[in-house]
């Protein structure tokens, strides 16, 4: 994971927020709630 992705994931974790993303790898972060967005 690149540093910007790690910072975004850490921020979402610290706020207890759901992260909207099109990067399925972020769903592998323990405790991180994600929702995948499909790009058209």
N, C-alpha and C. Protein backbone atom coordinates (compact mmCIF):
# COMPACT_ATOMS: atom_id res chain seq x y z
N UNK A 1 0.86 -1.17 0.00
CA UNK A 1 0.00 0.00 0.00
C UNK A 1 0.90 1.23 0.00
N UNK A 2 0.55 2.18 -0.83
CA UNK A 2 1.32 3.42 -0.90
C UNK A 2 0.93 4.35 0.25
N UNK A 3 1.83 5.24 0.60
CA UNK A 3 1.63 6.13 1.74
C UNK A 3 0.33 6.92 1.68
N UNK A 4 -0.03 7.53 0.55
CA UNK A 4 -1.31 8.27 0.54
C UNK A 4 -2.52 7.38 0.86
N UNK A 5 -2.53 6.15 0.36
CA UNK A 5 -3.63 5.22 0.67
C UNK A 5 -3.63 4.88 2.15
N UNK A 6 -2.45 4.70 2.73
CA UNK A 6 -2.35 4.38 4.15
C UNK A 6 -2.87 5.53 5.01
N UNK A 7 -2.55 6.75 4.62
CA UNK A 7 -3.03 7.92 5.37
C UNK A 7 -4.55 8.02 5.30
N UNK A 8 -5.10 7.81 4.11
CA UNK A 8 -6.56 7.86 3.95
C UNK A 8 -7.22 6.75 4.76
N UNK A 9 -6.67 5.54 4.72
CA UNK A 9 -7.23 4.43 5.49
C UNK A 9 -7.15 4.70 6.99
N UNK A 10 -6.02 5.22 7.45
CA UNK A 10 -5.85 5.52 8.87
C UNK A 10 -6.84 6.60 9.32
N UNK A 11 -7.07 7.58 8.48
CA UNK A 11 -8.02 8.64 8.81
C UNK A 11 -9.43 8.08 8.93
N UNK A 12 -9.83 7.25 7.98
CA UNK A 12 -11.16 6.64 8.04
C UNK A 12 -11.30 5.76 9.28
N UNK A 13 -10.25 5.01 9.60
CA UNK A 13 -10.28 4.17 10.81
C UNK A 13 -10.42 5.02 12.07
N UNK A 14 -9.66 6.09 12.16
CA UNK A 14 -9.69 6.90 13.38
C UNK A 14 -11.03 7.61 13.57
N UNK A 15 -11.73 7.91 12.49
CA UNK A 15 -13.04 8.56 12.56
C UNK A 15 -14.18 7.55 12.61
N UNK A 16 -13.87 6.27 12.37
CA UNK A 16 -14.92 5.26 12.33
C UNK A 16 -15.79 5.41 11.09
N UNK A 17 -15.23 5.99 10.05
CA UNK A 17 -15.98 6.28 8.83
C UNK A 17 -15.90 5.12 7.84
N UNK A 18 -16.86 5.07 6.95
CA UNK A 18 -16.83 4.12 5.84
C UNK A 18 -16.10 4.80 4.69
N UNK A 19 -15.12 4.11 4.14
CA UNK A 19 -14.32 4.65 3.05
C UNK A 19 -14.91 4.22 1.72
N UNK A 20 -15.26 5.18 0.89
CA UNK A 20 -15.76 4.90 -0.46
C UNK A 20 -14.56 4.83 -1.38
N UNK A 21 -14.41 3.72 -2.10
CA UNK A 21 -13.21 3.51 -2.91
C UNK A 21 -13.49 2.61 -4.10
N UNK A 22 -12.62 2.66 -5.07
CA UNK A 22 -12.66 1.69 -6.16
C UNK A 22 -11.43 0.78 -6.09
N UNK A 23 -10.68 0.87 -4.99
CA UNK A 23 -9.49 0.05 -4.76
C UNK A 23 -9.86 -1.09 -3.81
N UNK A 24 -10.05 -2.27 -4.36
CA UNK A 24 -10.50 -3.41 -3.54
C UNK A 24 -9.46 -3.82 -2.50
N UNK A 25 -8.20 -3.45 -2.69
CA UNK A 25 -7.16 -3.80 -1.71
C UNK A 25 -7.38 -3.12 -0.37
N UNK A 26 -8.03 -1.96 -0.37
CA UNK A 26 -8.28 -1.27 0.89
C UNK A 26 -9.26 -2.06 1.76
N UNK A 27 -10.06 -2.91 1.16
CA UNK A 27 -10.97 -3.76 1.92
C UNK A 27 -10.26 -4.81 2.74
N UNK A 28 -8.96 -4.99 2.52
CA UNK A 28 -8.18 -5.96 3.27
C UNK A 28 -7.63 -5.39 4.57
N UNK A 29 -7.77 -4.10 4.79
CA UNK A 29 -7.27 -3.47 6.01
C UNK A 29 -8.18 -3.87 7.17
N UNK A 30 -7.62 -4.52 8.20
CA UNK A 30 -8.45 -4.96 9.33
C UNK A 30 -9.17 -3.80 10.00
N UNK A 31 -10.47 -3.96 10.18
CA UNK A 31 -11.28 -2.97 10.87
C UNK A 31 -11.77 -1.83 10.01
N UNK A 32 -11.26 -1.71 8.79
CA UNK A 32 -11.67 -0.61 7.91
C UNK A 32 -12.96 -0.97 7.19
N UNK A 33 -13.95 -0.10 7.33
CA UNK A 33 -15.22 -0.31 6.63
C UNK A 33 -15.12 0.36 5.27
N UNK A 34 -15.36 -0.41 4.22
CA UNK A 34 -15.28 0.15 2.87
C UNK A 34 -16.55 -0.14 2.09
N UNK A 35 -16.79 0.70 1.12
CA UNK A 35 -17.85 0.47 0.15
C UNK A 35 -17.23 0.71 -1.21
N UNK A 36 -17.33 -0.29 -2.07
CA UNK A 36 -16.72 -0.20 -3.39
C UNK A 36 -17.61 0.58 -4.34
N UNK A 37 -16.98 1.48 -5.07
CA UNK A 37 -17.68 2.27 -6.08
C UNK A 37 -17.23 1.79 -7.45
N UNK A 38 -18.18 1.58 -8.33
CA UNK A 38 -17.85 1.16 -9.69
C UNK A 38 -17.65 2.40 -10.55
N UNK A 39 -16.54 2.44 -11.25
CA UNK A 39 -16.29 3.54 -12.17
C UNK A 39 -16.80 3.18 -13.54
N UNK A 40 -17.41 4.14 -14.21
CA UNK A 40 -17.94 3.89 -15.55
C UNK A 40 -17.04 4.51 -16.57
